[in-house]
């Protein structure tokens, strides 16, 4: 295409359309984001520990990525289902009503292979002052 023959207004329109198409294509290829909402964070009577409650939402196709916690993790699947990979254990599929526990320092990740958003209620008994989640490469 000879852009010089288009004139300035048409050239701007063509470049804007190409830019928009590239941006839309980039967004279409990004994996859906996992949403984590802390609903309570409280010091515990256990020295150097805090309790953290969170709502975790995994849209269809979302994966947390492999990570660890400096915490005991107790989770309840409220809606949908997840595939849970947990270091040293076989991968399991958990559905609404199922519960699970993660030991501190264990590499794990949840993935939503379903068609609806998976929602989990999660309680952490965490080491105070440490990041709640550490990604694993």
N, C-alpha and C. Protein backbone atom coordinates (compact mmCIF):
# COMPACT_ATOMS: atom_id res chain seq x y z
N UNK A 1 0.85 -1.17 0.00
CA UNK A 1 0.00 0.00 0.00
C UNK A 1 0.89 1.23 0.00
N UNK A 2 0.60 2.20 -0.87
CA UNK A 2 1.34 3.44 -0.94
C UNK A 2 0.66 4.45 -0.01
N UNK A 3 1.19 4.59 1.22
CA UNK A 3 0.57 5.45 2.22
C UNK A 3 0.60 6.92 1.82
N UNK A 4 1.60 7.33 1.05
CA UNK A 4 1.73 8.74 0.67
C UNK A 4 0.54 9.19 -0.17
N UNK A 5 -0.08 8.29 -0.92
CA UNK A 5 -1.20 8.66 -1.78
C UNK A 5 -2.52 8.75 -1.01
N UNK A 6 -2.55 8.31 0.25
CA UNK A 6 -3.79 8.31 1.02
C UNK A 6 -4.19 9.68 1.51
N UNK A 7 -3.24 10.54 1.72
CA UNK A 7 -3.54 11.83 2.31
C UNK A 7 -3.47 11.73 3.83
N UNK A 8 -3.29 12.84 4.51
CA UNK A 8 -3.04 12.81 5.95
C UNK A 8 -4.20 12.24 6.77
N UNK A 9 -5.43 12.57 6.45
CA UNK A 9 -6.57 12.09 7.25
C UNK A 9 -6.73 10.59 7.08
N UNK A 10 -6.69 10.11 5.86
CA UNK A 10 -6.83 8.67 5.64
C UNK A 10 -5.64 7.90 6.23
N UNK A 11 -4.44 8.48 6.15
CA UNK A 11 -3.26 7.81 6.69
C UNK A 11 -3.41 7.66 8.21
N UNK A 12 -3.88 8.70 8.88
CA UNK A 12 -4.10 8.63 10.33
C UNK A 12 -5.15 7.57 10.64
N UNK A 13 -6.21 7.52 9.85
CA UNK A 13 -7.28 6.52 10.05
C UNK A 13 -6.74 5.11 9.90
N UNK A 14 -5.92 4.87 8.85
CA UNK A 14 -5.35 3.54 8.62
C UNK A 14 -4.43 3.16 9.78
N UNK A 15 -3.56 4.07 10.21
CA UNK A 15 -2.65 3.75 11.31
C UNK A 15 -3.42 3.52 12.61
N UNK A 16 -4.48 4.30 12.87
CA UNK A 16 -5.29 4.10 14.07
C UNK A 16 -5.97 2.74 14.04
N UNK A 17 -6.49 2.35 12.87
CA UNK A 17 -7.15 1.05 12.75
C UNK A 17 -6.15 -0.09 12.97
N UNK A 18 -4.95 0.03 12.38
CA UNK A 18 -3.93 -1.00 12.57
C UNK A 18 -3.50 -1.09 14.03
N UNK A 19 -3.36 0.06 14.68
CA UNK A 19 -2.98 0.09 16.09
C UNK A 19 -4.05 -0.56 16.95
N UNK A 20 -5.31 -0.24 16.69
CA UNK A 20 -6.43 -0.83 17.44
C UNK A 20 -6.48 -2.34 17.23
N UNK A 21 -6.30 -2.78 16.01
CA UNK A 21 -6.32 -4.23 15.72
C UNK A 21 -5.20 -4.94 16.46
N UNK A 22 -4.02 -4.34 16.52
CA UNK A 22 -2.91 -4.94 17.25
C UNK A 22 -3.17 -5.01 18.74
N UNK A 23 -3.76 -3.94 19.28
CA UNK A 23 -4.08 -3.91 20.71
C UNK A 23 -5.13 -4.97 21.05
N UNK A 24 -6.19 -5.07 20.24
CA UNK A 24 -7.24 -6.06 20.48
C UNK A 24 -6.68 -7.47 20.38
N UNK A 25 -5.79 -7.71 19.43
CA UNK A 25 -5.18 -9.03 19.28
C UNK A 25 -4.35 -9.38 20.50
N UNK A 26 -3.60 -8.40 21.03
CA UNK A 26 -2.78 -8.63 22.22
C UNK A 26 -3.65 -9.00 23.41
N UNK A 27 -4.77 -8.27 23.59
CA UNK A 27 -5.66 -8.54 24.72
C UNK A 27 -6.36 -9.87 24.56
N UNK A 28 -6.68 -10.27 23.37
CA UNK A 28 -7.36 -11.54 23.13
C UNK A 28 -6.46 -12.72 23.48
N UNK A 29 -5.14 -12.54 23.42
CA UNK A 29 -4.21 -13.63 23.66
C UNK A 29 -3.80 -13.74 25.12
N UNK A 30 -4.11 -12.74 25.96
CA UNK A 30 -3.71 -12.78 27.36
C UNK A 30 -4.62 -13.74 28.12
N UNK A 31 -4.01 -14.51 29.02
CA UNK A 31 -4.78 -15.43 29.85
C UNK A 31 -5.63 -14.62 30.83
N UNK A 32 -6.80 -15.15 31.19
CA UNK A 32 -7.63 -14.44 32.15
C UNK A 32 -6.91 -14.33 33.50
N UNK A 33 -7.15 -13.24 34.19
CA UNK A 33 -6.46 -12.97 35.44
C UNK A 33 -7.19 -13.59 36.64
N UNK A 34 -6.40 -14.10 37.56
CA UNK A 34 -6.92 -14.60 38.83
C UNK A 34 -7.13 -13.39 39.73
N UNK A 35 -8.26 -13.34 40.42
CA UNK A 35 -8.57 -12.22 41.31
C UNK A 35 -8.50 -12.72 42.75
N UNK A 36 -7.71 -12.04 43.58
CA UNK A 36 -7.60 -12.38 45.00
C UNK A 36 -8.04 -11.16 45.81
N UNK A 37 -9.03 -11.36 46.68
CA UNK A 37 -9.53 -10.27 47.51
C UNK A 37 -9.36 -10.66 48.98
N UNK A 38 -8.53 -9.90 49.70
CA UNK A 38 -8.36 -10.14 51.13
C UNK A 38 -9.60 -9.58 51.82
N UNK A 39 -10.30 -10.41 52.58
CA UNK A 39 -11.51 -9.95 53.27
C UNK A 39 -11.27 -9.75 54.76
N UNK A 40 -10.18 -10.34 55.30
CA UNK A 40 -9.82 -10.14 56.71
C UNK A 40 -8.35 -10.46 56.90
N UNK A 41 -7.68 -9.63 57.69
CA UNK A 41 -6.28 -9.87 58.06
C UNK A 41 -6.18 -9.52 59.54
N UNK A 42 -5.79 -10.50 60.36
CA UNK A 42 -5.84 -10.30 61.80
C UNK A 42 -4.67 -10.98 62.50
N UNK A 43 -4.03 -10.27 63.44
CA UNK A 43 -3.01 -10.90 64.27
C UNK A 43 -3.65 -12.05 65.03
N UNK A 44 -2.85 -13.11 65.25
CA UNK A 44 -3.36 -14.27 65.96
C UNK A 44 -2.74 -14.35 67.36
N UNK A 45 -3.31 -15.20 68.20
CA UNK A 45 -2.73 -15.43 69.53
C UNK A 45 -1.50 -16.33 69.43
N UNK A 46 -1.29 -16.96 68.29
CA UNK A 46 -0.09 -17.75 68.04
C UNK A 46 1.03 -16.74 67.73
N UNK A 47 2.14 -16.78 68.47
CA UNK A 47 3.21 -15.80 68.23
C UNK A 47 3.69 -15.79 66.78
N UNK A 48 3.91 -14.58 66.26
CA UNK A 48 4.46 -14.35 64.92
C UNK A 48 3.57 -14.87 63.78
N UNK A 49 2.28 -15.03 64.05
CA UNK A 49 1.35 -15.52 63.02
C UNK A 49 0.19 -14.54 62.85
N UNK A 50 -0.37 -14.52 61.64
CA UNK A 50 -1.57 -13.74 61.36
C UNK A 50 -2.52 -14.61 60.55
N UNK A 51 -3.80 -14.39 60.77
CA UNK A 51 -4.82 -15.08 59.99
C UNK A 51 -5.25 -14.18 58.84
N UNK A 52 -5.33 -14.76 57.66
CA UNK A 52 -5.76 -14.00 56.48
C UNK A 52 -6.85 -14.80 55.79
N UNK A 53 -7.98 -14.16 55.53
CA UNK A 53 -9.06 -14.78 54.77
C UNK A 53 -9.15 -14.09 53.42
N UNK A 54 -9.32 -14.89 52.37
CA UNK A 54 -9.37 -14.33 51.02
C UNK A 54 -10.43 -15.03 50.19
N UNK A 55 -10.98 -14.29 49.24
CA UNK A 55 -11.83 -14.85 48.20
C UNK A 55 -10.97 -14.90 46.94
N UNK A 56 -10.81 -16.09 46.36
CA UNK A 56 -10.01 -16.26 45.15
C UNK A 56 -10.96 -16.63 44.02
N UNK A 57 -10.86 -15.91 42.90
CA UNK A 57 -11.70 -16.17 41.73
C UNK A 57 -10.82 -16.49 40.53
N UNK A 58 -11.07 -17.66 39.93
CA UNK A 58 -10.33 -18.08 38.74
C UNK A 58 -11.32 -18.17 37.58
N UNK A 59 -11.25 -17.24 36.61
CA UNK A 59 -12.12 -17.33 35.45
C UNK A 59 -11.79 -18.57 34.63
N UNK A 60 -12.69 -19.00 33.75
CA UNK A 60 -12.38 -20.15 32.88
C UNK A 60 -11.06 -19.93 32.15
N UNK A 61 -10.20 -20.95 32.17
CA UNK A 61 -8.91 -20.87 31.49
C UNK A 61 -7.80 -20.28 32.33
N UNK A 62 -8.11 -19.75 33.51
CA UNK A 62 -7.09 -19.10 34.34
C UNK A 62 -6.30 -20.12 35.15
N UNK A 63 -5.04 -19.80 35.39
CA UNK A 63 -4.16 -20.60 36.23
C UNK A 63 -3.40 -19.65 37.14
N UNK A 64 -3.21 -20.05 38.40
CA UNK A 64 -2.49 -19.20 39.34
C UNK A 64 -1.01 -19.09 39.03
N UNK A 65 -0.46 -20.09 38.38
CA UNK A 65 0.99 -20.18 38.24
C UNK A 65 1.54 -20.85 39.48
N UNK A 66 2.63 -21.58 39.33
CA UNK A 66 3.19 -22.30 40.48
C UNK A 66 3.72 -21.31 41.50
N UNK A 67 3.41 -21.58 42.78
CA UNK A 67 3.80 -20.68 43.86
C UNK A 67 3.83 -21.43 45.19
N UNK A 68 4.32 -20.74 46.22
CA UNK A 68 4.33 -21.27 47.58
C UNK A 68 3.76 -20.20 48.52
N UNK A 69 3.48 -20.63 49.76
CA UNK A 69 3.03 -19.72 50.81
C UNK A 69 3.83 -20.00 52.08
N UNK A 70 4.16 -18.95 52.86
CA UNK A 70 4.74 -19.18 54.19
C UNK A 70 3.60 -19.34 55.20
N UNK A 71 2.69 -20.26 54.89
CA UNK A 71 1.45 -20.38 55.66
C UNK A 71 0.85 -21.77 55.51
N UNK A 72 0.05 -22.14 56.51
CA UNK A 72 -0.87 -23.26 56.35
C UNK A 72 -2.04 -22.67 55.57
N UNK A 73 -2.50 -23.37 54.55
CA UNK A 73 -3.59 -22.87 53.72
C UNK A 73 -4.75 -23.86 53.77
N UNK A 74 -5.93 -23.34 54.07
CA UNK A 74 -7.14 -24.14 54.11
C UNK A 74 -8.13 -23.51 53.14
N UNK A 75 -8.63 -24.30 52.20
CA UNK A 75 -9.49 -23.73 51.16
C UNK A 75 -10.77 -24.54 50.98
N UNK A 76 -11.82 -23.83 50.61
CA UNK A 76 -13.14 -24.40 50.36
C UNK A 76 -13.58 -23.93 48.98
N UNK A 77 -13.91 -24.85 48.09
CA UNK A 77 -14.37 -24.48 46.75
C UNK A 77 -15.85 -24.11 46.86
N UNK A 78 -16.14 -22.84 46.61
CA UNK A 78 -17.51 -22.34 46.72
C UNK A 78 -18.32 -22.59 45.45
N UNK A 79 -17.70 -22.35 44.30
CA UNK A 79 -18.38 -22.48 43.01
C UNK A 79 -17.40 -22.99 41.97
N UNK A 80 -17.92 -23.66 40.95
CA UNK A 80 -17.08 -24.13 39.85
C UNK A 80 -16.21 -25.29 40.25
N UNK A 81 -15.11 -25.47 39.52
CA UNK A 81 -14.16 -26.54 39.84
C UNK A 81 -12.76 -26.10 39.43
N UNK A 82 -11.77 -26.73 40.06
CA UNK A 82 -10.37 -26.45 39.75
C UNK A 82 -9.60 -27.75 39.63
N UNK A 83 -8.50 -27.69 38.92
CA UNK A 83 -7.53 -28.76 38.89
C UNK A 83 -6.39 -28.29 39.79
N UNK A 84 -6.07 -29.07 40.84
CA UNK A 84 -5.05 -28.67 41.80
C UNK A 84 -3.82 -29.55 41.65
N UNK A 85 -2.70 -28.91 41.30
CA UNK A 85 -1.40 -29.57 41.29
C UNK A 85 -0.73 -29.21 42.61
N UNK A 86 -0.32 -30.23 43.38
CA UNK A 86 0.29 -30.01 44.68
C UNK A 86 1.51 -30.91 44.79
N UNK A 87 2.68 -30.30 44.92
CA UNK A 87 3.95 -31.02 44.96
C UNK A 87 3.86 -32.27 45.84
N UNK A 88 4.25 -33.41 45.26
CA UNK A 88 4.27 -34.66 46.01
C UNK A 88 2.94 -35.41 46.02
N UNK A 89 1.91 -34.85 45.38
CA UNK A 89 0.59 -35.48 45.33
C UNK A 89 0.10 -35.52 43.89
N UNK A 90 -0.77 -36.49 43.57
CA UNK A 90 -1.33 -36.49 42.22
C UNK A 90 -2.25 -35.28 42.01
N UNK A 91 -2.33 -34.81 40.77
CA UNK A 91 -3.25 -33.71 40.43
C UNK A 91 -4.68 -34.19 40.65
N UNK A 92 -5.49 -33.33 41.29
CA UNK A 92 -6.89 -33.68 41.57
C UNK A 92 -7.81 -32.60 41.03
N UNK A 93 -9.03 -33.01 40.71
CA UNK A 93 -10.07 -32.05 40.33
C UNK A 93 -10.99 -31.89 41.53
N UNK A 94 -11.18 -30.63 41.93
CA UNK A 94 -12.02 -30.32 43.07
C UNK A 94 -13.20 -29.48 42.61
N UNK A 95 -14.38 -29.77 43.14
CA UNK A 95 -15.60 -29.07 42.74
C UNK A 95 -16.23 -28.38 43.95
N UNK A 96 -17.28 -27.61 43.70
CA UNK A 96 -17.98 -26.90 44.77
C UNK A 96 -18.29 -27.86 45.91
N UNK A 97 -17.95 -27.44 47.12
CA UNK A 97 -18.17 -28.26 48.31
C UNK A 97 -16.93 -28.99 48.77
N UNK A 98 -15.91 -29.11 47.91
CA UNK A 98 -14.67 -29.79 48.28
C UNK A 98 -13.75 -28.83 49.05
N UNK A 99 -12.88 -29.42 49.89
CA UNK A 99 -11.91 -28.65 50.67
C UNK A 99 -10.52 -29.22 50.44
N UNK A 100 -9.50 -28.39 50.69
CA UNK A 100 -8.13 -28.88 50.61
C UNK A 100 -7.23 -28.07 51.53
N UNK A 101 -6.03 -28.62 51.77
CA UNK A 101 -5.03 -28.02 52.65
C UNK A 101 -3.69 -28.01 51.91
N UNK A 102 -2.95 -26.92 52.05
CA UNK A 102 -1.61 -26.81 51.47
C UNK A 102 -0.63 -26.56 52.62
N UNK A 103 0.45 -27.33 52.63
CA UNK A 103 1.49 -27.20 53.66
C UNK A 103 2.41 -26.02 53.30
N UNK A 104 2.92 -25.29 54.29
CA UNK A 104 3.84 -24.18 54.00
C UNK A 104 5.02 -24.63 53.15
N UNK A 105 5.35 -23.82 52.15
CA UNK A 105 6.50 -24.09 51.29
C UNK A 105 6.26 -25.06 50.16
N UNK A 106 5.09 -25.71 50.10
CA UNK A 106 4.79 -26.67 49.01
C UNK A 106 4.48 -25.91 47.72
N UNK A 107 5.09 -26.34 46.63
CA UNK A 107 4.81 -25.75 45.32
C UNK A 107 3.47 -26.30 44.84
N UNK A 108 2.60 -25.41 44.41
CA UNK A 108 1.27 -25.83 43.95
C UNK A 108 0.70 -24.77 43.00
N UNK A 109 -0.39 -25.16 42.33
CA UNK A 109 -1.15 -24.20 41.53
C UNK A 109 -2.53 -24.77 41.24
N UNK A 110 -3.48 -23.87 41.13
CA UNK A 110 -4.84 -24.23 40.75
C UNK A 110 -5.10 -23.69 39.35
N UNK A 111 -5.84 -24.48 38.56
CA UNK A 111 -6.20 -24.10 37.20
C UNK A 111 -7.69 -24.35 37.02
N UNK A 112 -8.36 -23.42 36.35
CA UNK A 112 -9.78 -23.60 36.06
C UNK A 112 -9.91 -24.04 34.61
N UNK A 113 -10.18 -25.33 34.41
CA UNK A 113 -10.40 -25.87 33.07
C UNK A 113 -11.88 -25.89 32.70
N UNK A 114 -12.73 -25.38 33.57
CA UNK A 114 -14.17 -25.39 33.37
C UNK A 114 -14.67 -24.21 32.55
N UNK A 115 -15.98 -24.06 32.55
CA UNK A 115 -16.62 -23.01 31.75
C UNK A 115 -17.21 -21.88 32.59
N UNK A 116 -17.14 -22.00 33.92
CA UNK A 116 -17.62 -20.95 34.81
C UNK A 116 -16.50 -20.55 35.76
N UNK A 117 -16.58 -19.35 36.30
CA UNK A 117 -15.58 -18.87 37.25
C UNK A 117 -15.60 -19.74 38.50
N UNK A 118 -14.43 -20.20 38.90
CA UNK A 118 -14.29 -20.95 40.15
C UNK A 118 -14.03 -19.95 41.27
N UNK A 119 -14.74 -20.12 42.39
CA UNK A 119 -14.56 -19.24 43.55
C UNK A 119 -14.17 -20.09 44.75
N UNK A 120 -13.15 -19.62 45.47
CA UNK A 120 -12.66 -20.34 46.64
C UNK A 120 -12.59 -19.40 47.83
N UNK A 121 -12.99 -19.91 49.00
CA UNK A 121 -12.78 -19.22 50.26
C UNK A 121 -11.50 -19.82 50.85
N UNK A 122 -10.51 -18.97 51.13
CA UNK A 122 -9.20 -19.45 51.55
C UNK A 122 -8.81 -18.79 52.87
N UNK A 123 -8.29 -19.60 53.80
CA UNK A 123 -7.78 -19.10 55.08
C UNK A 123 -6.31 -19.46 55.18
N UNK A 124 -5.49 -18.45 55.48
CA UNK A 124 -4.05 -18.62 55.65
C UNK A 124 -3.71 -18.41 57.12
N UNK A 125 -2.94 -19.31 57.70
CA UNK A 125 -2.32 -19.08 59.00
C UNK A 125 -0.86 -18.80 58.64
N UNK A 126 -0.55 -17.51 58.52
CA UNK A 126 0.69 -17.08 57.86
C UNK A 126 1.73 -16.56 58.83
N UNK A 127 3.00 -16.65 58.41
CA UNK A 127 4.08 -16.02 59.14
C UNK A 127 3.95 -14.51 58.95
N UNK A 128 3.85 -13.83 60.05
CA UNK A 128 3.63 -12.38 60.02
C UNK A 128 4.81 -11.67 59.37
N UNK A 129 4.50 -10.70 58.50
CA UNK A 129 5.53 -9.88 57.87
C UNK A 129 6.15 -10.45 56.61
N UNK A 130 5.74 -11.65 56.21
CA UNK A 130 6.27 -12.25 54.98
C UNK A 130 5.23 -12.09 53.87
N UNK A 131 5.69 -12.04 52.60
CA UNK A 131 4.73 -12.00 51.49
C UNK A 131 3.84 -13.24 51.55
N UNK A 132 2.57 -13.07 51.29
CA UNK A 132 1.63 -14.19 51.39
C UNK A 132 1.87 -15.24 50.31
N UNK A 133 2.30 -14.81 49.13
CA UNK A 133 2.53 -15.72 48.00
C UNK A 133 3.88 -15.42 47.37
N UNK A 134 4.61 -16.49 47.04
CA UNK A 134 5.89 -16.35 46.34
C UNK A 134 5.84 -17.17 45.06
N UNK A 135 5.93 -16.53 43.89
CA UNK A 135 5.93 -17.29 42.62
C UNK A 135 7.15 -18.20 42.53
N UNK A 136 6.99 -19.34 41.85
CA UNK A 136 8.07 -20.29 41.61
C UNK A 136 8.35 -20.30 40.13
N UNK A 137 9.62 -20.22 39.76
CA UNK A 137 9.99 -20.18 38.34
C UNK A 137 10.22 -21.54 37.80
